[in-house]
Amino acid sequence: MSKKCDICGRGAIIVISRSHSMIATKKKKYLNLQTKKINGKRMKVCTACLKTMIKKKEKATA
Protein backbone atom coordinates (compact mmCIF):
# COMPACT_ATOMS: atom_id res chain seq x y z
CA MET A 1 0.00 0.00 0.00
CA SER A 2 1.37 3.37 -0.96
CA LYS A 3 1.43 6.26 1.48
CA LYS A 4 -0.04 8.74 -1.00
CA CYS A 5 -3.36 10.52 -1.19
CA ASP A 6 -5.58 8.93 -3.86
CA ILE A 7 -7.17 12.30 -4.70
CA CYS A 8 -4.35 14.85 -4.87
CA GLY A 9 -1.37 12.48 -5.14
CA ARG A 10 0.62 14.10 -2.34
CA GLY A 11 3.05 11.84 -0.50
CA ALA A 12 5.72 11.94 2.16
CA ILE A 13 8.36 14.68 2.10
CA ILE A 14 12.00 14.52 3.16
CA VAL A 15 12.91 16.91 5.97
CA ILE A 16 16.20 17.54 7.70
CA SER A 17 16.26 17.68 11.48
CA ARG A 18 19.28 19.36 13.04
CA SER A 19 20.79 18.58 16.41
CA HIS A 20 22.37 21.14 18.72
CA SER A 21 25.73 20.55 16.99
CA MET A 22 24.01 21.17 13.60
CA ILE A 23 24.44 17.57 12.41
CA ALA A 24 21.80 16.99 9.71
CA THR A 25 19.64 13.87 9.85
CA LYS A 26 17.19 13.15 7.02
CA LYS A 27 13.79 11.74 7.88
CA LYS A 28 10.43 11.30 6.16
CA LYS A 29 7.41 13.30 7.22
CA TYR A 30 4.20 11.49 6.29
CA LEU A 31 0.77 12.89 5.53
CA ASN A 32 -2.20 12.40 7.80
CA LEU A 33 -3.96 9.78 5.67
CA GLN A 34 -7.45 8.53 6.48
CA THR A 35 -9.18 5.54 4.90
CA LYS A 36 -12.64 6.60 3.70
CA LYS A 37 -15.32 5.17 1.46
CA ILE A 38 -15.96 7.59 -1.39
CA ASN A 39 -18.46 6.65 -4.11
CA GLY A 40 -18.39 3.02 -2.94
CA LYS A 41 -14.59 2.73 -3.15
CA ARG A 42 -12.23 2.55 -0.20
CA MET A 43 -9.62 5.29 -0.66
CA LYS A 44 -6.71 6.77 1.27
CA VAL A 45 -7.37 10.49 1.52
CA CYS A 46 -5.31 13.21 3.21
CA THR A 47 -7.08 15.38 5.77
CA ALA A 48 -6.62 18.48 3.59
CA CYS A 49 -8.67 16.84 0.81
CA LEU A 50 -11.30 15.69 3.32
CA LYS A 51 -11.64 19.23 4.62
CA THR A 52 -12.00 20.58 1.07
CA MET A 53 -14.63 17.96 0.18
CA ILE A 54 -16.66 18.86 3.30
CA LYS A 55 -16.49 22.57 2.42
CA LYS A 56 -17.63 21.92 -1.15
CA LYS A 57 -20.46 19.71 0.09
CA GLU A 58 -21.67 22.38 2.54
CA LYS A 59 -21.44 25.07 -0.13
CA ALA A 60 -23.50 22.97 -2.58
CA THR A 61 -26.28 22.34 -0.06
CA ALA A 62 -26.44 25.94 1.18
C-alpha atoms as a PDB file:
ATOM      1  CA  MET A   1       0.000   0.000   0.000  1.00  0.00           C
ATOM      2  CA  SER A   2       1.375   3.371  -0.960  1.00  0.00           C
ATOM      3  CA  LYS A   3       1.430   6.262   1.484  1.00  0.00           C
ATOM      4  CA  LYS A   4      -0.036   8.742  -0.996  1.00  0.00           C
ATOM      5  CA  CYS A   5      -3.356  10.516  -1.193  1.00  0.00           C
ATOM      6  CA  ASP A   6      -5.577   8.929  -3.858  1.00  0.00           C
ATOM      7  CA  ILE A   7      -7.168  12.297  -4.699  1.00  0.00           C
ATOM      8  CA  CYS A   8      -4.349  14.854  -4.873  1.00  0.00           C
ATOM      9  CA  GLY A   9      -1.372  12.484  -5.138  1.00  0.00           C
ATOM     10  CA  ARG A  10       0.624  14.103  -2.336  1.00  0.00           C
ATOM     11  CA  GLY A  11       3.051  11.841  -0.499  1.00  0.00           C
ATOM     12  CA  ALA A  12       5.720  11.943   2.164  1.00  0.00           C
ATOM     13  CA  ILE A  13       8.361  14.679   2.105  1.00  0.00           C
ATOM     14  CA  ILE A  14      12.000  14.516   3.160  1.00  0.00           C
ATOM     15  CA  VAL A  15      12.909  16.910   5.973  1.00  0.00           C
ATOM     16  CA  ILE A  16      16.199  17.537   7.698  1.00  0.00           C
ATOM     17  CA  SER A  17      16.264  17.685  11.477  1.00  0.00           C
ATOM     18  CA  ARG A  18      19.278  19.359  13.035  1.00  0.00           C
ATOM     19  CA  SER A  19      20.789  18.578  16.409  1.00  0.00           C
ATOM     20  CA  HIS A  20      22.372  21.141  18.721  1.00  0.00           C
ATOM     21  CA  SER A  21      25.728  20.547  16.994  1.00  0.00           C
ATOM     22  CA  MET A  22      24.010  21.174  13.599  1.00  0.00           C
ATOM     23  CA  ILE A  23      24.444  17.574  12.409  1.00  0.00           C
ATOM     24  CA  ALA A  24      21.804  16.987   9.711  1.00  0.00           C
ATOM     25  CA  THR A  25      19.635  13.869   9.845  1.00  0.00           C
ATOM     26  CA  LYS A  26      17.194  13.147   7.025  1.00  0.00           C
ATOM     27  CA  LYS A  27      13.788  11.736   7.879  1.00  0.00           C
ATOM     28  CA  LYS A  28      10.434  11.300   6.160  1.00  0.00           C
ATOM     29  CA  LYS A  29       7.409  13.299   7.218  1.00  0.00           C
ATOM     30  CA  TYR A  30       4.199  11.489   6.293  1.00  0.00           C
ATOM     31  CA  LEU A  31       0.769  12.894   5.531  1.00  0.00           C
ATOM     32  CA  ASN A  32      -2.198  12.397   7.802  1.00  0.00           C
ATOM     33  CA  LEU A  33      -3.964   9.780   5.671  1.00  0.00           C
ATOM     34  CA  GLN A  34      -7.450   8.533   6.483  1.00  0.00           C
ATOM     35  CA  THR A  35      -9.179   5.540   4.897  1.00  0.00           C
ATOM     36  CA  LYS A  36     -12.635   6.605   3.705  1.00  0.00           C
ATOM     37  CA  LYS A  37     -15.320   5.169   1.461  1.00  0.00           C
ATOM     38  CA  ILE A  38     -15.957   7.588  -1.392  1.00  0.00           C
ATOM     39  CA  ASN A  39     -18.457   6.649  -4.110  1.00  0.00           C
ATOM     40  CA  GLY A  40     -18.392   3.021  -2.936  1.00  0.00           C
ATOM     41  CA  LYS A  41     -14.592   2.732  -3.153  1.00  0.00           C
ATOM     42  CA  ARG A  42     -12.229   2.552  -0.199  1.00  0.00           C
ATOM     43  CA  MET A  43      -9.624   5.286  -0.664  1.00  0.00           C
ATOM     44  CA  LYS A  44      -6.714   6.772   1.270  1.00  0.00           C
ATOM     45  CA  VAL A  45      -7.375  10.490   1.517  1.00  0.00           C
ATOM     46  CA  CYS A  46      -5.314  13.207   3.212  1.00  0.00           C
ATOM     47  CA  THR A  47      -7.083  15.383   5.765  1.00  0.00           C
ATOM     48  CA  ALA A  48      -6.619  18.484   3.589  1.00  0.00           C
ATOM     49  CA  CYS A  49      -8.666  16.835   0.807  1.00  0.00           C
ATOM     50  CA  LEU A  50     -11.300  15.691   3.316  1.00  0.00           C
ATOM     51  CA  LYS A  51     -11.645  19.229   4.620  1.00  0.00           C
ATOM     52  CA  THR A  52     -11.998  20.583   1.069  1.00  0.00           C
ATOM     53  CA  MET A  53     -14.634  17.955   0.185  1.00  0.00           C
ATOM     54  CA  ILE A  54     -16.659  18.862   3.304  1.00  0.00           C
ATOM     55  CA  LYS A  55     -16.487  22.574   2.424  1.00  0.00           C
ATOM     56  CA  LYS A  56     -17.630  21.925  -1.154  1.00  0.00           C
ATOM     57  CA  LYS A  57     -20.456  19.712   0.090  1.00  0.00           C
ATOM     58  CA  GLU A  58     -21.674  22.377   2.542  1.00  0.00           C
ATOM     59  CA  LYS A  59     -21.442  25.068  -0.127  1.00  0.00           C
ATOM     60  CA  ALA A  60     -23.497  22.973  -2.576  1.00  0.00           C
ATOM     61  CA  THR A  61     -26.278  22.345  -0.057  1.00  0.00           C
ATOM     62  CA  ALA A  62     -26.440  25.941   1.179  1.00  0.00           C
END
